[in-house]
């Protein structure tokens, strides 16, 4: 029964792990947005999402690579947008 839940081939497992890392990276940002306070959980994205990129490469998942790359650099993107909006 467990073989139906977990994919059998290795590429599917790497792809699943890559998507799970992307979801976990998004979940680490949720306390900041929902509670409107700057918790430091988001810093875990610098550890988890690069691992997700590696899993995406091993599994050949473009979606996993792109999502985890965006999640890795999300802080820098938000800083750029925040400073750009504050400049006007």
PDB file of N, CA and C in Angstrom:
ATOM      1  N   UNK A   1       0.811  -1.189   0.000  1.00  0.00           N
ATOM      2  CA  UNK A   1       0.000   0.000   0.000  1.00  0.00           C
ATOM      3  C   UNK A   1       0.860   1.260   0.000  1.00  0.00           C
ATOM      4  N   UNK A   2       2.004   1.207   0.682  1.00  0.00           N
ATOM      5  CA  UNK A   2       2.863   2.379   0.755  1.00  0.00           C
ATOM      6  C   UNK A   2       3.475   2.719  -0.597  1.00  0.00           C
ATOM      7  N   UNK A   3       3.689   1.721  -1.453  1.00  0.00           N
ATOM      8  CA  UNK A   3       4.269   1.982  -2.763  1.00  0.00           C
ATOM      9  C   UNK A   3       3.332   2.801  -3.640  1.00  0.00           C
ATOM     10  N   UNK A   4       2.057   2.852  -3.325  1.00  0.00           N
ATOM     11  CA  UNK A   4       1.132   3.683  -4.098  1.00  0.00           C
ATOM     12  C   UNK A   4       1.215   5.145  -3.695  1.00  0.00           C
ATOM     13  N   UNK A   5       1.609   5.411  -2.466  1.00  0.00           N
ATOM     14  CA  UNK A   5       1.709   6.785  -1.976  1.00  0.00           C
ATOM     15  C   UNK A   5       3.026   7.411  -2.401  1.00  0.00           C
ATOM     16  N   UNK A   6       4.111   6.677  -2.255  1.00  0.00           N
ATOM     17  CA  UNK A   6       5.437   7.173  -2.606  1.00  0.00           C
ATOM     18  C   UNK A   6       5.778   6.680  -4.005  1.00  0.00           C
ATOM     19  N   UNK A   7       6.176   7.595  -4.906  1.00  0.00           N
ATOM     20  CA  UNK A   7       6.513   7.164  -6.266  1.00  0.00           C
ATOM     21  C   UNK A   7       7.650   6.142  -6.265  1.00  0.00           C
ATOM     22  N   UNK A   8       7.597   5.238  -7.233  1.00  0.00           N
ATOM     23  CA  UNK A   8       8.545   4.131  -7.280  1.00  0.00           C
ATOM     24  C   UNK A   8       9.873   4.549  -7.895  1.00  0.00           C
ATOM     25  N   UNK A   9       9.842   5.258  -9.021  1.00  0.00           N
ATOM     26  CA  UNK A   9      11.103   5.585  -9.682  1.00  0.00           C
ATOM     27  C   UNK A   9      11.804   6.744  -8.979  1.00  0.00           C
ATOM     28  N   UNK A  10      13.129   6.775  -9.129  1.00  0.00           N
ATOM     29  CA  UNK A  10      13.948   7.740  -8.401  1.00  0.00           C
ATOM     30  C   UNK A  10      13.693   9.175  -8.847  1.00  0.00           C
ATOM     31  N   UNK A  11      13.461   9.382 -10.143  1.00  0.00           N
ATOM     32  CA  UNK A  11      13.224  10.744 -10.617  1.00  0.00           C
ATOM     33  C   UNK A  11      11.968  11.337  -9.997  1.00  0.00           C
ATOM     34  N   UNK A  12      10.934  10.537  -9.870  1.00  0.00           N
ATOM     35  CA  UNK A  12       9.696  11.029  -9.261  1.00  0.00           C
ATOM     36  C   UNK A  12       9.896  11.368  -7.793  1.00  0.00           C
ATOM     37  N   UNK A  13      10.730  10.603  -7.122  1.00  0.00           N
ATOM     38  CA  UNK A  13      11.015  10.914  -5.714  1.00  0.00           C
ATOM     39  C   UNK A  13      11.760  12.230  -5.591  1.00  0.00           C
ATOM     40  N   UNK A  14      12.740  12.470  -6.458  1.00  0.00           N
ATOM     41  CA  UNK A  14      13.478  13.733  -6.417  1.00  0.00           C
ATOM     42  C   UNK A  14      12.561  14.901  -6.741  1.00  0.00           C
ATOM     43  N   UNK A  15      11.672  14.704  -7.705  1.00  0.00           N
ATOM     44  CA  UNK A  15      10.726  15.763  -8.057  1.00  0.00           C
ATOM     45  C   UNK A  15       9.795  16.066  -6.890  1.00  0.00           C
ATOM     46  N   UNK A  16       9.311  15.039  -6.231  1.00  0.00           N
ATOM     47  CA  UNK A  16       8.432  15.226  -5.080  1.00  0.00           C
ATOM     48  C   UNK A  16       9.160  15.954  -3.956  1.00  0.00           C
ATOM     49  N   UNK A  17      10.397  15.568  -3.688  1.00  0.00           N
ATOM     50  CA  UNK A  17      11.175  16.244  -2.648  1.00  0.00           C
ATOM     51  C   UNK A  17      11.432  17.702  -3.006  1.00  0.00           C
ATOM     52  N   UNK A  18      11.648  17.983  -4.280  1.00  0.00           N
ATOM     53  CA  UNK A  18      11.866  19.354  -4.722  1.00  0.00           C
ATOM     54  C   UNK A  18      10.624  20.211  -4.500  1.00  0.00           C
ATOM     55  N   UNK A  19       9.464  19.696  -4.853  1.00  0.00           N
ATOM     56  CA  UNK A  19       8.214  20.433  -4.653  1.00  0.00           C
ATOM     57  C   UNK A  19       7.923  20.597  -3.162  1.00  0.00           C
ATOM     58  N   UNK A  20       8.229  19.579  -2.363  1.00  0.00           N
ATOM     59  CA  UNK A  20       8.036  19.690  -0.915  1.00  0.00           C
ATOM     60  C   UNK A  20       8.936  20.766  -0.311  1.00  0.00           C
ATOM     61  N   UNK A  21      10.160  20.885  -0.808  1.00  0.00           N
ATOM     62  CA  UNK A  21      11.051  21.944  -0.333  1.00  0.00           C
ATOM     63  C   UNK A  21      10.498  23.321  -0.693  1.00  0.00           C
ATOM     64  N   UNK A  22       9.929  23.453  -1.882  1.00  0.00           N
ATOM     65  CA  UNK A  22       9.328  24.729  -2.279  1.00  0.00           C
ATOM     66  C   UNK A  22       8.136  25.066  -1.388  1.00  0.00           C
ATOM     67  N   UNK A  23       7.317  24.082  -1.083  1.00  0.00           N
ATOM     68  CA  UNK A  23       6.158  24.310  -0.201  1.00  0.00           C
ATOM     69  C   UNK A  23       6.607  24.652   1.216  1.00  0.00           C
ATOM     70  N   UNK A  24       7.636  23.979   1.692  1.00  0.00           N
ATOM     71  CA  UNK A  24       8.156  24.269   3.024  1.00  0.00           C
ATOM     72  C   UNK A  24       8.757  25.669   3.077  1.00  0.00           C
ATOM     73  N   UNK A  25       9.440  26.072   2.013  1.00  0.00           N
ATOM     74  CA  UNK A  25       9.975  27.428   1.953  1.00  0.00           C
ATOM     75  C   UNK A  25       8.875  28.475   1.991  1.00  0.00           C
ATOM     76  N   UNK A  26       7.766  28.216   1.305  1.00  0.00           N
ATOM     77  CA  UNK A  26       6.624  29.137   1.351  1.00  0.00           C
ATOM     78  C   UNK A  26       6.007  29.153   2.743  1.00  0.00           C
ATOM     79  N   UNK A  27       5.953  27.994   3.391  1.00  0.00           N
ATOM     80  CA  UNK A  27       5.377  27.923   4.736  1.00  0.00           C
ATOM     81  C   UNK A  27       6.226  28.678   5.753  1.00  0.00           C
ATOM     82  N   UNK A  28       7.529  28.767   5.519  1.00  0.00           N
ATOM     83  CA  UNK A  28       8.391  29.502   6.438  1.00  0.00           C
ATOM     84  C   UNK A  28       8.151  31.008   6.371  1.00  0.00           C
ATOM     85  N   UNK A  29       7.592  31.493   5.275  1.00  0.00           N
ATOM     86  CA  UNK A  29       7.271  32.912   5.138  1.00  0.00           C
ATOM     87  C   UNK A  29       5.908  33.261   5.720  1.00  0.00           C
ATOM     88  N   UNK A  30       5.025  32.293   5.871  1.00  0.00           N
ATOM     89  CA  UNK A  30       3.655  32.569   6.303  1.00  0.00           C
ATOM     90  C   UNK A  30       3.537  33.302   7.642  1.00  0.00           C
ATOM     91  N   UNK A  31       4.316  32.971   8.683  1.00  0.00           N
ATOM     92  CA  UNK A  31       4.157  33.720   9.940  1.00  0.00           C
ATOM     93  C   UNK A  31       4.407  35.221   9.780  1.00  0.00           C
ATOM     94  N   UNK A  32       5.318  35.597   8.897  1.00  0.00           N
ATOM     95  CA  UNK A  32       5.581  37.022   8.690  1.00  0.00           C
ATOM     96  C   UNK A  32       4.379  37.737   8.090  1.00  0.00           C
ATOM     97  N   UNK A  33       3.695  37.094   7.161  1.00  0.00           N
ATOM     98  CA  UNK A  33       2.559  37.729   6.500  1.00  0.00           C
ATOM     99  C   UNK A  33       1.284  37.626   7.325  1.00  0.00           C
ATOM    100  N   UNK A  34       1.043  36.489   7.931  1.00  0.00           N
ATOM    101  CA  UNK A  34      -0.205  36.292   8.665  1.00  0.00           C
ATOM    102  C   UNK A  34      -0.217  37.010  10.007  1.00  0.00           C
ATOM    103  N   UNK A  35       0.896  37.008  10.701  1.00  0.00           N
ATOM    104  CA  UNK A  35       0.955  37.609  12.030  1.00  0.00           C
ATOM    105  C   UNK A  35       1.483  39.037  12.009  1.00  0.00           C
ATOM    106  N   UNK A  36       1.913  39.508  10.844  1.00  0.00           N
ATOM    107  CA  UNK A  36       2.372  40.887  10.664  1.00  0.00           C
ATOM    108  C   UNK A  36       3.509  41.249  11.620  1.00  0.00           C
ATOM    109  N   UNK A  37       4.409  40.315  11.816  1.00  0.00           N
ATOM    110  CA  UNK A  37       5.566  40.520  12.674  1.00  0.00           C
ATOM    111  C   UNK A  37       6.754  39.825  12.026  1.00  0.00           C
ATOM    112  N   UNK A  38       7.932  40.379  12.181  1.00  0.00           N
ATOM    113  CA  UNK A  38       9.103  39.850  11.506  1.00  0.00           C
ATOM    114  C   UNK A  38       9.782  38.703  12.230  1.00  0.00           C
ATOM    115  N   UNK A  39       9.213  37.521  12.113  1.00  0.00           N
ATOM    116  CA  UNK A  39       9.855  36.336  12.677  1.00  0.00           C
ATOM    117  C   UNK A  39      11.016  35.909  11.787  1.00  0.00           C
ATOM    118  N   UNK A  40      11.989  35.240  12.373  1.00  0.00           N
ATOM    119  CA  UNK A  40      13.178  34.835  11.635  1.00  0.00           C
ATOM    120  C   UNK A  40      13.086  33.483  10.948  1.00  0.00           C
ATOM    121  N   UNK A  41      11.875  32.909  10.900  1.00  0.00           N
ATOM    122  CA  UNK A  41      11.730  31.599  10.264  1.00  0.00           C
ATOM    123  C   UNK A  41      12.088  31.632   8.785  1.00  0.00           C
ATOM    124  N   UNK A  42      11.887  32.780   8.137  1.00  0.00           N
ATOM    125  CA  UNK A  42      12.117  32.885   6.699  1.00  0.00           C
ATOM    126  C   UNK A  42      13.571  32.609   6.343  1.00  0.00           C
ATOM    127  N   UNK A  43      14.487  32.762   7.292  1.00  0.00           N
ATOM    128  CA  UNK A  43      15.893  32.516   6.983  1.00  0.00           C
ATOM    129  C   UNK A  43      16.164  31.047   6.669  1.00  0.00           C
ATOM    130  N   UNK A  44      15.245  30.181   7.034  1.00  0.00           N
ATOM    131  CA  UNK A  44      15.372  28.769   6.681  1.00  0.00           C
ATOM    132  C   UNK A  44      15.298  28.531   5.183  1.00  0.00           C
ATOM    133  N   UNK A  45      14.752  29.511   4.443  1.00  0.00           N
ATOM    134  CA  UNK A  45      14.680  29.355   2.991  1.00  0.00           C
ATOM    135  C   UNK A  45      16.066  29.337   2.359  1.00  0.00           C
ATOM    136  N   UNK A  46      17.039  29.970   3.015  1.00  0.00           N
ATOM    137  CA  UNK A  46      18.398  29.961   2.475  1.00  0.00           C
ATOM    138  C   UNK A  46      19.064  28.598   2.629  1.00  0.00           C
ATOM    139  N   UNK A  47      18.487  27.727   3.438  1.00  0.00           N
ATOM    140  CA  UNK A  47      19.007  26.372   3.612  1.00  0.00           C
ATOM    141  C   UNK A  47      18.166  25.363   2.836  1.00  0.00           C
ATOM    142  N   UNK A  48      16.853  25.456   2.983  1.00  0.00           N
ATOM    143  CA  UNK A  48      15.948  24.447   2.425  1.00  0.00           C
ATOM    144  C   UNK A  48      15.815  24.559   0.911  1.00  0.00           C
ATOM    145  N   UNK A  49      15.641  25.767   0.400  1.00  0.00           N
ATOM    146  CA  UNK A  49      15.368  25.904  -1.028  1.00  0.00           C
ATOM    147  C   UNK A  49      16.560  25.612  -1.937  1.00  0.00           C
ATOM    148  N   UNK A  50      17.811  25.927  -1.573  1.00  0.00           N
ATOM    149  CA  UNK A  50      18.909  25.443  -2.425  1.00  0.00           C
ATOM    150  C   UNK A  50      18.980  23.914  -2.480  1.00  0.00           C
ATOM    151  N   UNK A  51      18.623  23.259  -1.381  1.00  0.00           N
ATOM    152  CA  UNK A  51      18.547  21.797  -1.401  1.00  0.00           C
ATOM    153  C   UNK A  51      17.449  21.359  -2.361  1.00  0.00           C
ATOM    154  N   UNK A  52      16.336  22.106  -2.373  1.00  0.00           N
ATOM    155  CA  UNK A  52      15.247  21.814  -3.307  1.00  0.00           C
ATOM    156  C   UNK A  52      15.664  21.993  -4.753  1.00  0.00           C
ATOM    157  N   UNK A  53      16.548  22.968  -5.017  1.00  0.00           N
ATOM    158  CA  UNK A  53      17.069  23.151  -6.378  1.00  0.00           C
ATOM    159  C   UNK A  53      17.870  21.920  -6.795  1.00  0.00           C
ATOM    160  N   UNK A  54      18.694  21.416  -5.887  1.00  0.00           N
ATOM    161  CA  UNK A  54      19.484  20.211  -6.183  1.00  0.00           C
ATOM    162  C   UNK A  54      18.558  19.022  -6.435  1.00  0.00           C
ATOM    163  N   UNK A  55      17.515  18.880  -5.617  1.00  0.00           N
ATOM    164  CA  UNK A  55      16.545  17.803  -5.838  1.00  0.00           C
ATOM    165  C   UNK A  55      15.868  17.960  -7.193  1.00  0.00           C
ATOM    166  N   UNK A  56      15.557  19.202  -7.571  1.00  0.00           N
ATOM    167  CA  UNK A  56      14.936  19.441  -8.872  1.00  0.00           C
ATOM    168  C   UNK A  56      15.857  19.079 -10.023  1.00  0.00           C
ATOM    169  N   UNK A  57      17.135  19.359  -9.865  1.00  0.00           N
ATOM    170  CA  UNK A  57      18.106  18.996 -10.901  1.00  0.00           C
ATOM    171  C   UNK A  57      18.217  17.475 -11.009  1.00  0.00           C
ATOM    172  N   UNK A  58      18.286  16.801  -9.861  1.00  0.00           N
ATOM    173  CA  UNK A  58      18.388  15.337  -9.873  1.00  0.00           C
ATOM    174  C   UNK A  58      17.146  14.686 -10.466  1.00  0.00           C
ATOM    175  N   UNK A  59      15.984  15.291 -10.242  1.00  0.00           N
ATOM    176  CA  UNK A  59      14.745  14.728 -10.758  1.00  0.00           C
ATOM    177  C   UNK A  59      14.358  15.239 -12.124  1.00  0.00           C
ATOM    178  N   UNK A  60      15.088  16.215 -12.635  1.00  0.00           N
ATOM    179  CA  UNK A  60      14.773  16.777 -13.942  1.00  0.00           C
ATOM    180  C   UNK A  60      13.488  17.592 -13.944  1.00  0.00           C
ATOM    181  N   UNK A  61      13.170  18.219 -12.823  1.00  0.00           N
ATOM    182  CA  UNK A  61      11.934  18.983 -12.687  1.00  0.00           C
ATOM    183  C   UNK A  61      12.224  20.470 -12.863  1.00  0.00           C
ATOM    184  N   UNK A  62      11.813  21.022 -13.992  1.00  0.00           N
ATOM    185  CA  UNK A  62      12.008  22.456 -14.220  1.00  0.00           C
ATOM    186  C   UNK A  62      11.201  23.284 -13.231  1.00  0.00           C
ATOM    187  N   UNK A  63       9.989  22.826 -12.949  1.00  0.00           N
ATOM    188  CA  UNK A  63       9.134  23.537 -11.998  1.00  0.00           C
ATOM    189  C   UNK A  63       9.790  23.594 -10.624  1.00  0.00           C
ATOM    190  N   UNK A  64      10.346  22.493 -10.171  1.00  0.00           N
ATOM    191  CA  UNK A  64      11.024  22.462  -8.880  1.00  0.00           C
ATOM    192  C   UNK A  64      12.235  23.372  -8.841  1.00  0.00           C
ATOM    193  N   UNK A  65      12.990  23.406  -9.928  1.00  0.00           N
ATOM    194  CA  UNK A  65      14.167  24.271  -9.993  1.00  0.00           C
ATOM    195  C   UNK A  65      13.753  25.734  -9.940  1.00  0.00           C
ATOM    196  N   UNK A  66      12.753  26.107 -10.731  1.00  0.00           N
ATOM    197  CA  UNK A  66      12.317  27.510 -10.796  1.00  0.00           C
ATOM    198  C   UNK A  66      11.703  27.954  -9.470  1.00  0.00           C
ATOM    199  N   UNK A  67      10.801  27.149  -8.916  1.00  0.00           N
ATOM    200  CA  UNK A  67      10.148  27.531  -7.660  1.00  0.00           C
ATOM    201  C   UNK A  67      11.153  27.679  -6.524  1.00  0.00           C
ATOM    202  N   UNK A  68      12.064  26.746  -6.405  1.00  0.00           N
ATOM    203  CA  UNK A  68      13.045  26.816  -5.328  1.00  0.00           C
ATOM    204  C   UNK A  68      14.041  27.949  -5.543  1.00  0.00           C
ATOM    205  N   UNK A  69      14.370  28.258  -6.791  1.00  0.00           N
ATOM    206  CA  UNK A  69      15.257  29.391  -7.058  1.00  0.00           C
ATOM    207  C   UNK A  69      14.589  30.703  -6.674  1.00  0.00           C
ATOM    208  N   UNK A  70      13.318  30.848  -7.029  1.00  0.00           N
ATOM    209  CA  UNK A  70      12.585  32.064  -6.659  1.00  0.00           C
ATOM    210  C   UNK A  70      12.480  32.175  -5.143  1.00  0.00           C
ATOM    211  N   UNK A  71      12.203  31.070  -4.485  1.00  0.00           N
ATOM    212  CA  UNK A  71      12.087  31.090  -3.027  1.00  0.00           C
ATOM    213  C   UNK A  71      13.427  31.416  -2.367  1.00  0.00           C
ATOM    214  N   UNK A  72      14.521  30.976  -2.961  1.00  0.00           N
ATOM    215  CA  UNK A  72      15.835  31.265  -2.399  1.00  0.00           C
ATOM    216  C   UNK A  72      16.134  32.756  -2.448  1.00  0.00           C
ATOM    217  N   UNK A  73      15.791  33.403  -3.561  1.00  0.00           N
ATOM    218  CA  UNK A  73      16.115  34.815  -3.735  1.00  0.00           C
ATOM    219  C   UNK A  73      14.942  35.735  -3.428  1.00  0.00           C
ATOM    220  N   UNK A  74      13.899  35.217  -2.808  1.00  0.00           N
ATOM    221  CA  UNK A  74      12.708  36.014  -2.520  1.00  0.00           C
ATOM    222  C   UNK A  74      13.024  37.210  -1.633  1.00  0.00           C
ATOM    223  N   UNK A  75      13.858  37.041  -0.626  1.00  0.00           N
ATOM    224  CA  UNK A  75      14.192  38.148   0.267  1.00  0.00           C
ATOM    225  C   UNK A  75      14.838  39.286  -0.505  1.00  0.00           C
ATOM    226  N   UNK A  76      15.767  38.962  -1.394  1.00  0.00           N
ATOM    227  CA  UNK A  76      16.428  40.004  -2.180  1.00  0.00           C
ATOM    228  C   UNK A  76      15.445  40.694  -3.119  1.00  0.00           C
ATOM    229  N   UNK A  77      14.521  39.933  -3.690  1.00  0.00           N
ATOM    230  CA  UNK A  77      13.502  40.512  -4.570  1.00  0.00           C
ATOM    231  C   UNK A  77      12.608  41.454  -3.774  1.00  0.00           C
ATOM    232  N   UNK A  78      12.167  41.033  -2.587  1.00  0.00           N
ATOM    233  CA  UNK A  78      11.316  41.888  -1.754  1.00  0.00           C
ATOM    234  C   UNK A  78      12.054  43.143  -1.306  1.00  0.00           C
ATOM    235  N   UNK A  79      13.321  43.023  -0.979  1.00  0.00           N
ATOM    236  CA  UNK A  79      14.100  44.200  -0.579  1.00  0.00           C
ATOM    237  C   UNK A  79      14.201  45.187  -1.730  1.00  0.00           C
ATOM    238  N   UNK A  80      14.471  44.703  -2.929  1.00  0.00           N
ATOM    239  CA  UNK A  80      14.572  45.579  -4.094  1.00  0.00           C
ATOM    240  C   UNK A  80      13.253  46.291  -4.354  1.00  0.00           C
ATOM    241  N   UNK A  81      12.162  45.539  -4.347  1.00  0.00           N
ATOM    242  CA  UNK A  81      10.847  46.134  -4.610  1.00  0.00           C
ATOM    243  C   UNK A  81      10.482  47.125  -3.507  1.00  0.00           C
ATOM    244  N   UNK A  82      10.757  46.781  -2.263  1.00  0.00           N
ATOM    245  CA  UNK A  82      10.446  47.677  -1.148  1.00  0.00           C
ATOM    246  C   UNK A  82      11.204  48.985  -1.227  1.00  0.00           C
ATOM    247  N   UNK A  83      12.492  48.927  -1.515  1.00  0.00           N
ATOM    248  CA  UNK A  83      13.273  50.152  -1.635  1.00  0.00           C
ATOM    249  C   UNK A  83      12.892  50.942  -2.879  1.00  0.00           C
ATOM    250  N   UNK A  84      12.551  50.256  -3.954  1.00  0.00           N
ATOM    251  CA  UNK A  84      12.133  50.953  -5.174  1.00  0.00           C
ATOM    252  C   UNK A  84      10.816  51.688  -4.945  1.00  0.00           C
ATOM    253  N   UNK A  85       9.882  51.069  -4.245  1.00  0.00           N
ATOM    254  CA  UNK A  85       8.613  51.737  -3.956  1.00  0.00           C
ATOM    255  C   UNK A  85       8.785  52.880  -2.965  1.00  0.00           C
ATOM    256  N   UNK A  86       9.695  52.735  -2.012  1.00  0.00           N
ATOM    257  CA  UNK A  86       9.933  53.791  -1.028  1.00  0.00           C
ATOM    258  C   UNK A  86      10.637  54.992  -1.651  1.00  0.00           C
ATOM    259  N   UNK A  87      11.327  54.778  -2.752  1.00  0.00           N
ATOM    260  CA  UNK A  87      12.051  55.873  -3.402  1.00  0.00           C
ATOM    261  C   UNK A  87      11.113  56.848  -4.092  1.00  0.00           C
ATOM    262  N   UNK A  88       9.920  56.391  -4.430  1.00  0.00           N
ATOM    263  CA  UNK A  88       8.975  57.271  -5.125  1.00  0.00           C
ATOM    264  C   UNK A  88       8.043  57.849  -4.152  1.00  0.00           C
TER     265      UNK A  88
END
